[in-house]
Amino acid sequence: METLSDELLIQAYSDAKTYNLNLDFIRLLEDEILRRIVVKLISESKIENIPTISSLPIDSNVVNEYFNLA
């Protein structure tokens, strides 16, 4: 998944949701989006403590902000 550009990842996620593709595939895309967000936040030192989070729903505003699509 790391070879996918951010733009292609978001497009794949959007298309997967639009066409009601397999839920496991959608979750895989969500996990990758969240992983990239966390990596970016850490690399930019925007967060100091990472709380344990059992489940994070994808928030389109966060995704748009991360990928500068807003």
N, C-alpha and C. Protein backbone atom coordinates (compact mmCIF):
# COMPACT_ATOMS: atom_id res chain seq x y z
N MET A 1 0.81 -1.21 0.00
CA MET A 1 0.00 0.00 0.00
C MET A 1 0.84 1.26 0.00
N GLU A 2 2.06 1.14 0.47
CA GLU A 2 2.88 2.34 0.59
C GLU A 2 3.24 2.94 -0.77
N THR A 3 3.11 2.15 -1.84
CA THR A 3 3.44 2.68 -3.16
C THR A 3 2.29 3.51 -3.73
N LEU A 4 1.11 3.43 -3.13
CA LEU A 4 -0.04 4.22 -3.56
C LEU A 4 0.15 5.67 -3.14
N SER A 5 -0.10 6.59 -4.05
CA SER A 5 -0.04 8.00 -3.67
C SER A 5 -1.22 8.30 -2.74
N ASP A 6 -1.11 9.39 -1.99
CA ASP A 6 -2.19 9.79 -1.10
C ASP A 6 -3.48 10.03 -1.90
N GLU A 7 -3.35 10.66 -3.03
CA GLU A 7 -4.52 10.98 -3.86
C GLU A 7 -5.21 9.70 -4.34
N LEU A 8 -4.42 8.72 -4.79
CA LEU A 8 -5.00 7.47 -5.26
C LEU A 8 -5.64 6.69 -4.12
N LEU A 9 -5.04 6.75 -2.94
CA LEU A 9 -5.61 6.08 -1.77
C LEU A 9 -6.97 6.67 -1.43
N ILE A 10 -7.07 7.98 -1.41
CA ILE A 10 -8.35 8.64 -1.12
C ILE A 10 -9.38 8.33 -2.20
N GLN A 11 -8.96 8.30 -3.45
CA GLN A 11 -9.88 7.97 -4.54
C GLN A 11 -10.37 6.54 -4.41
N ALA A 12 -9.47 5.63 -4.09
CA ALA A 12 -9.85 4.22 -3.91
C ALA A 12 -10.84 4.09 -2.76
N TYR A 13 -10.60 4.81 -1.67
CA TYR A 13 -11.50 4.77 -0.51
C TYR A 13 -12.88 5.32 -0.90
N SER A 14 -12.89 6.44 -1.57
CA SER A 14 -14.14 7.05 -1.99
C SER A 14 -14.92 6.13 -2.91
N ASP A 15 -14.23 5.54 -3.88
CA ASP A 15 -14.89 4.62 -4.82
C ASP A 15 -15.39 3.36 -4.10
N ALA A 16 -14.60 2.85 -3.18
CA ALA A 16 -15.00 1.65 -2.44
C ALA A 16 -16.29 1.91 -1.65
N LYS A 17 -16.39 3.10 -1.04
CA LYS A 17 -17.60 3.45 -0.30
C LYS A 17 -18.78 3.65 -1.26
N THR A 18 -18.53 4.34 -2.37
CA THR A 18 -19.58 4.62 -3.35
C THR A 18 -20.18 3.34 -3.91
N TYR A 19 -19.32 2.39 -4.23
CA TYR A 19 -19.78 1.15 -4.86
C TYR A 19 -20.02 0.01 -3.86
N ASN A 20 -20.04 0.36 -2.59
CA ASN A 20 -20.32 -0.62 -1.53
C ASN A 20 -19.48 -1.88 -1.68
N LEU A 21 -18.17 -1.69 -1.84
CA LEU A 21 -17.27 -2.83 -1.96
C LEU A 21 -17.13 -3.53 -0.62
N ASN A 22 -16.41 -4.62 -0.61
CA ASN A 22 -16.21 -5.45 0.56
C ASN A 22 -15.78 -4.62 1.76
N LEU A 23 -16.45 -4.85 2.89
CA LEU A 23 -16.16 -4.08 4.11
C LEU A 23 -14.71 -4.27 4.57
N ASP A 24 -14.18 -5.46 4.41
CA ASP A 24 -12.78 -5.70 4.80
C ASP A 24 -11.83 -4.84 3.96
N PHE A 25 -12.13 -4.69 2.69
CA PHE A 25 -11.30 -3.85 1.82
C PHE A 25 -11.39 -2.39 2.25
N ILE A 26 -12.60 -1.94 2.56
CA ILE A 26 -12.78 -0.56 3.01
C ILE A 26 -12.01 -0.32 4.31
N ARG A 27 -12.08 -1.27 5.23
CA ARG A 27 -11.35 -1.13 6.51
C ARG A 27 -9.84 -1.10 6.27
N LEU A 28 -9.37 -1.88 5.32
CA LEU A 28 -7.95 -1.87 4.98
C LEU A 28 -7.53 -0.48 4.50
N LEU A 29 -8.35 0.11 3.66
CA LEU A 29 -8.06 1.47 3.18
C LEU A 29 -8.12 2.47 4.33
N GLU A 30 -9.12 2.34 5.20
CA GLU A 30 -9.23 3.23 6.36
C GLU A 30 -8.00 3.11 7.26
N ASP A 31 -7.57 1.88 7.49
CA ASP A 31 -6.38 1.67 8.33
C ASP A 31 -5.16 2.35 7.73
N GLU A 32 -5.01 2.25 6.43
CA GLU A 32 -3.86 2.87 5.77
C GLU A 32 -3.95 4.40 5.83
N ILE A 33 -5.14 4.94 5.65
CA ILE A 33 -5.32 6.39 5.75
C ILE A 33 -4.95 6.86 7.16
N LEU A 34 -5.46 6.16 8.16
CA LEU A 34 -5.15 6.53 9.55
C LEU A 34 -3.66 6.38 9.84
N ARG A 35 -3.04 5.33 9.33
CA ARG A 35 -1.60 5.14 9.53
C ARG A 35 -0.83 6.32 8.97
N ARG A 36 -1.20 6.74 7.78
CA ARG A 36 -0.50 7.88 7.16
C ARG A 36 -0.72 9.17 7.93
N ILE A 37 -1.93 9.35 8.45
CA ILE A 37 -2.20 10.54 9.26
C ILE A 37 -1.33 10.54 10.50
N VAL A 38 -1.26 9.41 11.19
CA VAL A 38 -0.46 9.32 12.41
C VAL A 38 1.01 9.55 12.10
N VAL A 39 1.52 8.95 11.05
CA VAL A 39 2.93 9.13 10.66
C VAL A 39 3.20 10.60 10.38
N LYS A 40 2.29 11.24 9.65
CA LYS A 40 2.48 12.66 9.33
C LYS A 40 2.45 13.52 10.60
N LEU A 41 1.50 13.24 11.49
CA LEU A 41 1.41 14.01 12.73
C LEU A 41 2.66 13.84 13.58
N ILE A 42 3.14 12.63 13.67
CA ILE A 42 4.35 12.38 14.45
C ILE A 42 5.54 13.08 13.81
N SER A 43 5.66 12.96 12.50
CA SER A 43 6.82 13.56 11.84
C SER A 43 6.80 15.08 11.92
N GLU A 44 5.62 15.65 12.03
CA GLU A 44 5.51 17.11 12.16
C GLU A 44 5.47 17.53 13.62
N SER A 45 5.62 16.59 14.51
CA SER A 45 5.62 16.84 15.96
C SER A 45 4.39 17.61 16.42
N LYS A 46 3.25 17.29 15.83
CA LYS A 46 2.00 17.94 16.24
C LYS A 46 1.40 17.27 17.46
N ILE A 47 1.86 16.06 17.76
CA ILE A 47 1.35 15.38 18.94
C ILE A 47 2.52 14.88 19.76
N GLU A 48 2.36 14.92 21.07
CA GLU A 48 3.42 14.47 21.96
C GLU A 48 3.07 13.14 22.60
N ASN A 49 1.81 12.97 22.98
CA ASN A 49 1.36 11.73 23.61
C ASN A 49 0.31 11.09 22.71
N ILE A 50 0.49 9.83 22.42
CA ILE A 50 -0.47 9.13 21.58
C ILE A 50 -1.32 8.25 22.50
N PRO A 51 -2.58 8.62 22.70
CA PRO A 51 -3.44 7.79 23.55
C PRO A 51 -3.78 6.48 22.85
N THR A 52 -4.08 5.48 23.64
CA THR A 52 -4.52 4.22 23.07
C THR A 52 -5.95 4.38 22.60
N ILE A 53 -6.16 4.10 21.35
CA ILE A 53 -7.48 4.27 20.76
C ILE A 53 -7.90 2.93 20.17
N SER A 54 -9.02 2.40 20.62
CA SER A 54 -9.45 1.09 20.14
C SER A 54 -10.06 1.17 18.76
N SER A 55 -10.71 2.27 18.44
CA SER A 55 -11.34 2.38 17.13
C SER A 55 -11.47 3.86 16.78
N LEU A 56 -11.05 4.20 15.58
CA LEU A 56 -11.16 5.57 15.10
C LEU A 56 -11.94 5.56 13.79
N PRO A 57 -13.12 6.16 13.74
CA PRO A 57 -13.81 6.24 12.46
C PRO A 57 -13.11 7.27 11.57
N ILE A 58 -13.20 7.08 10.30
CA ILE A 58 -12.63 8.04 9.37
C ILE A 58 -13.49 9.30 9.40
N ASP A 59 -12.88 10.42 9.66
CA ASP A 59 -13.55 11.72 9.65
C ASP A 59 -13.10 12.42 8.38
N SER A 60 -14.01 12.68 7.46
CA SER A 60 -13.64 13.26 6.18
C SER A 60 -12.95 14.61 6.33
N ASN A 61 -13.29 15.36 7.38
CA ASN A 61 -12.61 16.65 7.60
C ASN A 61 -11.14 16.45 7.93
N VAL A 62 -10.85 15.43 8.75
CA VAL A 62 -9.46 15.14 9.09
C VAL A 62 -8.71 14.68 7.86
N VAL A 63 -9.34 13.81 7.08
CA VAL A 63 -8.71 13.30 5.86
C VAL A 63 -8.45 14.45 4.89
N ASN A 64 -9.45 15.30 4.69
CA ASN A 64 -9.28 16.42 3.78
C ASN A 64 -8.18 17.37 4.25
N GLU A 65 -8.14 17.62 5.56
CA GLU A 65 -7.10 18.49 6.10
C GLU A 65 -5.72 17.86 5.88
N TYR A 66 -5.63 16.57 6.17
CA TYR A 66 -4.35 15.88 6.01
C TYR A 66 -3.86 15.94 4.58
N PHE A 67 -4.76 15.69 3.65
CA PHE A 67 -4.36 15.66 2.24
C PHE A 67 -4.53 17.01 1.57
N ASN A 68 -4.80 18.05 2.36
CA ASN A 68 -4.96 19.42 1.86
C ASN A 68 -6.03 19.51 0.77
N LEU A 69 -7.14 18.81 0.99
CA LEU A 69 -8.22 18.83 0.01
C LEU A 69 -9.35 19.77 0.41
N ALA A 70 -9.27 20.29 1.63
CA ALA A 70 -10.36 21.14 2.12
C ALA A 70 -10.34 22.49 1.45
